[in-house]
Every structure is written in structure tokens, then in C-alpha cells.
N, C-alpha and C. Protein backbone atom coordinates (compact mmCIF):
# COMPACT_ATOMS: atom_id res chain seq x y z
N MET A 1 -3.66 4.93 -2.45
CA MET A 1 -2.77 5.97 -3.02
C MET A 1 -2.58 7.07 -1.97
N LEU A 2 -3.65 7.42 -1.31
CA LEU A 2 -3.56 8.53 -0.34
C LEU A 2 -2.64 8.14 0.78
N SER A 3 -2.74 6.92 1.28
CA SER A 3 -1.95 6.51 2.39
C SER A 3 -0.44 6.51 2.05
N ALA A 4 -0.11 6.00 0.84
CA ALA A 4 1.28 5.96 0.41
C ALA A 4 1.82 7.38 0.20
N SER A 5 1.07 8.17 -0.45
CA SER A 5 1.57 9.55 -0.69
C SER A 5 1.71 10.40 0.62
N VAL A 6 0.74 10.23 1.51
CA VAL A 6 0.85 10.98 2.75
C VAL A 6 2.05 10.53 3.55
N ARG A 7 2.30 9.23 3.56
CA ARG A 7 3.45 8.72 4.30
C ARG A 7 4.77 9.25 3.74
N LEU A 8 4.89 9.30 2.42
CA LEU A 8 6.13 9.74 1.78
C LEU A 8 6.32 11.26 1.96
N ILE A 9 5.22 11.99 1.80
CA ILE A 9 5.32 13.44 2.04
C ILE A 9 5.70 13.73 3.48
N GLY A 10 5.13 12.99 4.42
CA GLY A 10 5.47 13.16 5.83
C GLY A 10 6.91 12.85 6.10
N GLU A 11 7.45 11.82 5.48
CA GLU A 11 8.85 11.49 5.66
C GLU A 11 9.76 12.57 5.10
N LYS A 12 9.34 13.13 3.98
CA LYS A 12 10.14 14.16 3.35
C LYS A 12 10.13 15.48 4.21
N LYS A 13 8.96 15.84 4.75
CA LYS A 13 8.86 17.01 5.58
C LYS A 13 9.63 16.86 6.90
N ALA A 14 9.54 15.69 7.47
CA ALA A 14 10.19 15.45 8.76
C ALA A 14 11.71 15.23 8.63
N GLY A 15 12.15 14.96 7.41
CA GLY A 15 13.59 14.74 7.21
C GLY A 15 14.05 13.34 7.52
N THR A 16 13.10 12.44 7.79
CA THR A 16 13.52 11.07 8.13
C THR A 16 14.15 10.38 6.94
N PHE A 17 13.76 10.71 5.75
CA PHE A 17 14.31 10.08 4.55
C PHE A 17 15.80 10.43 4.43
N ARG A 18 16.13 11.66 4.59
CA ARG A 18 17.54 12.07 4.49
C ARG A 18 18.36 11.48 5.61
N ARG A 19 17.80 11.50 6.82
CA ARG A 19 18.53 10.92 7.97
C ARG A 19 18.73 9.43 7.75
N SER A 20 17.80 8.73 7.15
CA SER A 20 17.96 7.31 6.88
C SER A 20 19.06 7.07 5.84
N MET A 21 19.07 7.94 4.88
CA MET A 21 20.13 7.85 3.82
C MET A 21 21.51 8.11 4.41
N LEU A 22 21.60 9.06 5.36
CA LEU A 22 22.91 9.35 5.96
C LEU A 22 23.34 8.25 6.91
N SER A 23 22.39 7.51 7.48
CA SER A 23 22.78 6.46 8.41
C SER A 23 23.20 5.18 7.67
N GLY A 24 23.16 5.19 6.38
CA GLY A 24 23.66 4.05 5.63
C GLY A 24 22.51 3.17 5.03
N THR A 25 21.30 3.54 5.21
CA THR A 25 20.22 2.81 4.64
C THR A 25 20.17 3.08 3.15
N LYS A 26 20.03 2.03 2.39
CA LYS A 26 20.00 2.18 0.94
C LYS A 26 18.60 2.57 0.48
N PHE A 27 18.50 3.22 -0.66
CA PHE A 27 17.26 3.72 -1.20
C PHE A 27 16.29 2.59 -1.41
N TRP A 28 16.72 1.47 -1.96
CA TRP A 28 15.83 0.36 -2.23
C TRP A 28 15.31 -0.25 -0.97
N GLU A 29 16.04 -0.20 0.10
CA GLU A 29 15.57 -0.73 1.41
C GLU A 29 14.41 0.12 1.93
N ILE A 30 14.48 1.41 1.74
CA ILE A 30 13.37 2.26 2.16
C ILE A 30 12.13 1.99 1.33
N ILE A 31 12.33 1.86 0.01
CA ILE A 31 11.19 1.57 -0.86
C ILE A 31 10.54 0.23 -0.55
N VAL A 32 11.36 -0.80 -0.31
CA VAL A 32 10.85 -2.13 0.01
C VAL A 32 10.11 -2.11 1.35
N ALA A 33 10.63 -1.40 2.32
CA ALA A 33 9.97 -1.29 3.64
C ALA A 33 8.61 -0.59 3.49
N ASN A 34 8.56 0.49 2.75
CA ASN A 34 7.30 1.21 2.53
C ASN A 34 6.32 0.32 1.77
N PHE A 35 6.77 -0.39 0.78
CA PHE A 35 5.95 -1.26 -0.06
C PHE A 35 5.39 -2.38 0.82
N ALA A 36 6.21 -2.97 1.64
CA ALA A 36 5.76 -4.10 2.51
C ALA A 36 4.67 -3.64 3.47
N THR A 37 4.86 -2.53 4.11
CA THR A 37 3.85 -2.07 5.05
C THR A 37 2.56 -1.68 4.36
N GLU A 38 2.67 -1.03 3.22
CA GLU A 38 1.45 -0.71 2.48
C GLU A 38 0.77 -1.98 1.93
N LEU A 39 1.53 -2.97 1.55
CA LEU A 39 0.93 -4.23 1.07
C LEU A 39 0.15 -4.92 2.18
N ILE A 40 0.65 -4.92 3.37
CA ILE A 40 -0.06 -5.49 4.51
C ILE A 40 -1.35 -4.73 4.71
N LEU A 41 -1.34 -3.42 4.61
CA LEU A 41 -2.55 -2.65 4.76
C LEU A 41 -3.54 -2.94 3.64
N VAL A 42 -3.08 -3.09 2.43
CA VAL A 42 -3.95 -3.37 1.31
C VAL A 42 -4.63 -4.75 1.48
N VAL A 43 -3.85 -5.73 1.86
CA VAL A 43 -4.42 -7.08 2.07
C VAL A 43 -5.44 -7.03 3.17
N PHE A 44 -5.18 -6.34 4.26
CA PHE A 44 -6.13 -6.25 5.36
C PHE A 44 -7.40 -5.54 4.96
N GLN A 45 -7.26 -4.44 4.21
CA GLN A 45 -8.45 -3.69 3.74
C GLN A 45 -9.26 -4.53 2.75
N THR A 46 -8.62 -5.34 1.92
CA THR A 46 -9.33 -6.16 1.00
C THR A 46 -10.08 -7.26 1.73
N PHE A 47 -9.47 -7.82 2.74
CA PHE A 47 -10.13 -8.83 3.59
C PHE A 47 -11.38 -8.23 4.26
N LEU A 48 -11.20 -7.02 4.82
CA LEU A 48 -12.34 -6.36 5.45
C LEU A 48 -13.45 -6.05 4.45
N THR A 49 -13.09 -5.69 3.23
CA THR A 49 -14.10 -5.44 2.18
C THR A 49 -14.93 -6.67 1.91
N PHE A 50 -14.24 -7.81 1.80
CA PHE A 50 -14.97 -9.07 1.57
C PHE A 50 -15.85 -9.41 2.72
N VAL A 51 -15.39 -9.21 3.95
CA VAL A 51 -16.19 -9.52 5.14
C VAL A 51 -17.44 -8.64 5.19
N VAL A 52 -17.25 -7.36 4.97
CA VAL A 52 -18.37 -6.40 5.01
C VAL A 52 -19.35 -6.74 3.87
N LEU A 53 -18.81 -7.03 2.69
CA LEU A 53 -19.65 -7.39 1.55
C LEU A 53 -20.51 -8.63 1.86
N ARG A 54 -19.90 -9.57 2.48
CA ARG A 54 -20.58 -10.85 2.86
C ARG A 54 -21.65 -10.57 3.91
N ILE A 55 -21.37 -9.75 4.90
CA ILE A 55 -22.31 -9.45 5.96
C ILE A 55 -23.49 -8.64 5.43
N MET A 56 -23.20 -7.60 4.63
CA MET A 56 -24.23 -6.67 4.20
C MET A 56 -25.17 -7.32 3.17
N THR A 57 -24.57 -8.05 2.20
CA THR A 57 -25.39 -8.61 1.10
C THR A 57 -25.77 -10.07 1.34
N GLY A 58 -24.95 -10.77 2.12
CA GLY A 58 -25.17 -12.18 2.32
C GLY A 58 -24.85 -13.05 1.13
N LYS A 59 -24.14 -12.48 0.16
CA LYS A 59 -23.78 -13.21 -1.04
C LYS A 59 -22.29 -13.19 -1.22
N ASP A 60 -21.81 -14.26 -1.87
CA ASP A 60 -20.38 -14.29 -2.24
C ASP A 60 -20.22 -13.72 -3.62
N PRO A 61 -19.03 -13.27 -3.97
CA PRO A 61 -18.78 -12.78 -5.33
C PRO A 61 -19.00 -13.94 -6.33
N LEU A 62 -19.38 -13.61 -7.55
CA LEU A 62 -19.50 -14.64 -8.59
C LEU A 62 -18.11 -15.04 -9.04
N GLY A 63 -17.94 -16.33 -9.29
CA GLY A 63 -16.61 -16.80 -9.74
C GLY A 63 -15.71 -17.13 -8.55
N SER A 64 -14.42 -17.20 -8.84
CA SER A 64 -13.47 -17.60 -7.82
C SER A 64 -13.24 -16.46 -6.81
N ILE A 65 -13.39 -16.80 -5.53
CA ILE A 65 -13.19 -15.82 -4.47
C ILE A 65 -11.70 -15.44 -4.41
N LEU A 66 -10.82 -16.40 -4.63
CA LEU A 66 -9.39 -16.18 -4.63
C LEU A 66 -9.02 -15.20 -5.73
N LEU A 67 -9.60 -15.39 -6.92
CA LEU A 67 -9.27 -14.50 -8.06
C LEU A 67 -9.79 -13.07 -7.76
N CYS A 68 -10.94 -12.99 -7.16
CA CYS A 68 -11.49 -11.63 -6.80
C CYS A 68 -10.59 -10.98 -5.79
N PHE A 69 -10.16 -11.75 -4.78
CA PHE A 69 -9.25 -11.21 -3.77
C PHE A 69 -7.96 -10.71 -4.37
N VAL A 70 -7.35 -11.55 -5.25
CA VAL A 70 -6.13 -11.15 -5.90
C VAL A 70 -6.31 -9.87 -6.77
N MET A 71 -7.42 -9.76 -7.45
CA MET A 71 -7.65 -8.58 -8.27
C MET A 71 -7.85 -7.35 -7.41
N PHE A 72 -8.53 -7.50 -6.25
CA PHE A 72 -8.66 -6.36 -5.34
C PHE A 72 -7.31 -5.95 -4.79
N VAL A 73 -6.48 -6.87 -4.43
CA VAL A 73 -5.15 -6.56 -3.92
C VAL A 73 -4.32 -5.88 -4.97
N LEU A 74 -4.33 -6.39 -6.21
CA LEU A 74 -3.58 -5.80 -7.26
C LEU A 74 -4.07 -4.35 -7.55
N ASP A 75 -5.38 -4.15 -7.48
CA ASP A 75 -5.91 -2.80 -7.65
C ASP A 75 -5.37 -1.86 -6.56
N GLY A 76 -5.32 -2.38 -5.31
CA GLY A 76 -4.76 -1.56 -4.22
C GLY A 76 -3.31 -1.28 -4.41
N ILE A 77 -2.55 -2.24 -4.89
CA ILE A 77 -1.11 -2.07 -5.14
C ILE A 77 -0.89 -1.05 -6.23
N PHE A 78 -1.69 -1.13 -7.32
CA PHE A 78 -1.51 -0.16 -8.39
C PHE A 78 -1.87 1.25 -7.91
N GLY A 79 -2.91 1.37 -7.12
CA GLY A 79 -3.24 2.68 -6.58
C GLY A 79 -2.17 3.22 -5.63
N MET A 80 -1.61 2.31 -4.85
CA MET A 80 -0.55 2.67 -3.93
C MET A 80 0.70 3.13 -4.72
N SER A 81 0.94 2.51 -5.84
CA SER A 81 2.14 2.82 -6.63
C SER A 81 2.02 4.23 -7.26
N LEU A 82 0.88 4.77 -7.37
CA LEU A 82 0.74 6.13 -7.90
C LEU A 82 1.33 7.14 -6.96
N GLY A 83 1.44 6.84 -5.69
CA GLY A 83 2.04 7.74 -4.75
C GLY A 83 3.55 7.62 -4.64
N LYS A 84 4.17 6.60 -5.25
CA LYS A 84 5.56 6.34 -5.09
C LYS A 84 6.46 7.31 -5.87
N PRO A 85 6.07 7.87 -7.00
CA PRO A 85 7.02 8.77 -7.72
C PRO A 85 7.47 9.99 -6.94
N ILE A 86 6.93 10.21 -5.75
CA ILE A 86 7.35 11.34 -4.96
C ILE A 86 8.85 11.18 -4.62
N PHE A 87 9.33 9.94 -4.49
CA PHE A 87 10.71 9.74 -4.15
C PHE A 87 11.61 10.19 -5.26
N ALA A 88 11.12 10.29 -6.46
CA ALA A 88 11.96 10.72 -7.58
C ALA A 88 12.41 12.20 -7.42
N SER A 89 11.65 12.96 -6.67
CA SER A 89 11.99 14.36 -6.49
C SER A 89 12.85 14.57 -5.26
N VAL A 90 13.15 13.56 -4.49
CA VAL A 90 13.93 13.66 -3.26
C VAL A 90 15.40 13.83 -3.58
């Protein structure tokens, strides 16, 4: 959430959002681009979490590793989405 909100606040302060809108970029294209980059970060952080968990404890999560991974990624996406309503005030 912090990463998404800091990025959007920075874009608003720098004026890149308005310049992008003036250059013909559509609102949904900006949102999709932000979401895609944040999704890549969330997947990478989740992968690192599993690697560190495996190294430090030497144990795998109980149950399906794929399901745990998907749940961690969804948790990251939901947290990231809490920073998105900033665009509503632009």
C-alpha cells in the first residue's frame, strides 16, 4: 500500500499525471500501467518471502505452496489497492 500511494502522490506533486493526460494518455492506461508495475513488485516480494521463509526455518508451508503463493499475492494486491483511491481526487 505504501509503495502504491507514494508513487501516486509523487506523480500528483510532479504533475506527470496531468501532463500524461494532456498528451493523450487515457486514465485507464495510467491505472493499468501502475497496477502492472505494482503487481510485478508484489509477485517478486512474495517470492522473496517464500525463499527467506524456506532458508530461515527450513520448512515449507503446510498445504499447497501454489495456493499460499496466490493468497500472498492477493493480499499484496488488496493492500496495493488501498492506495489507488488517490486518483479519485485528481
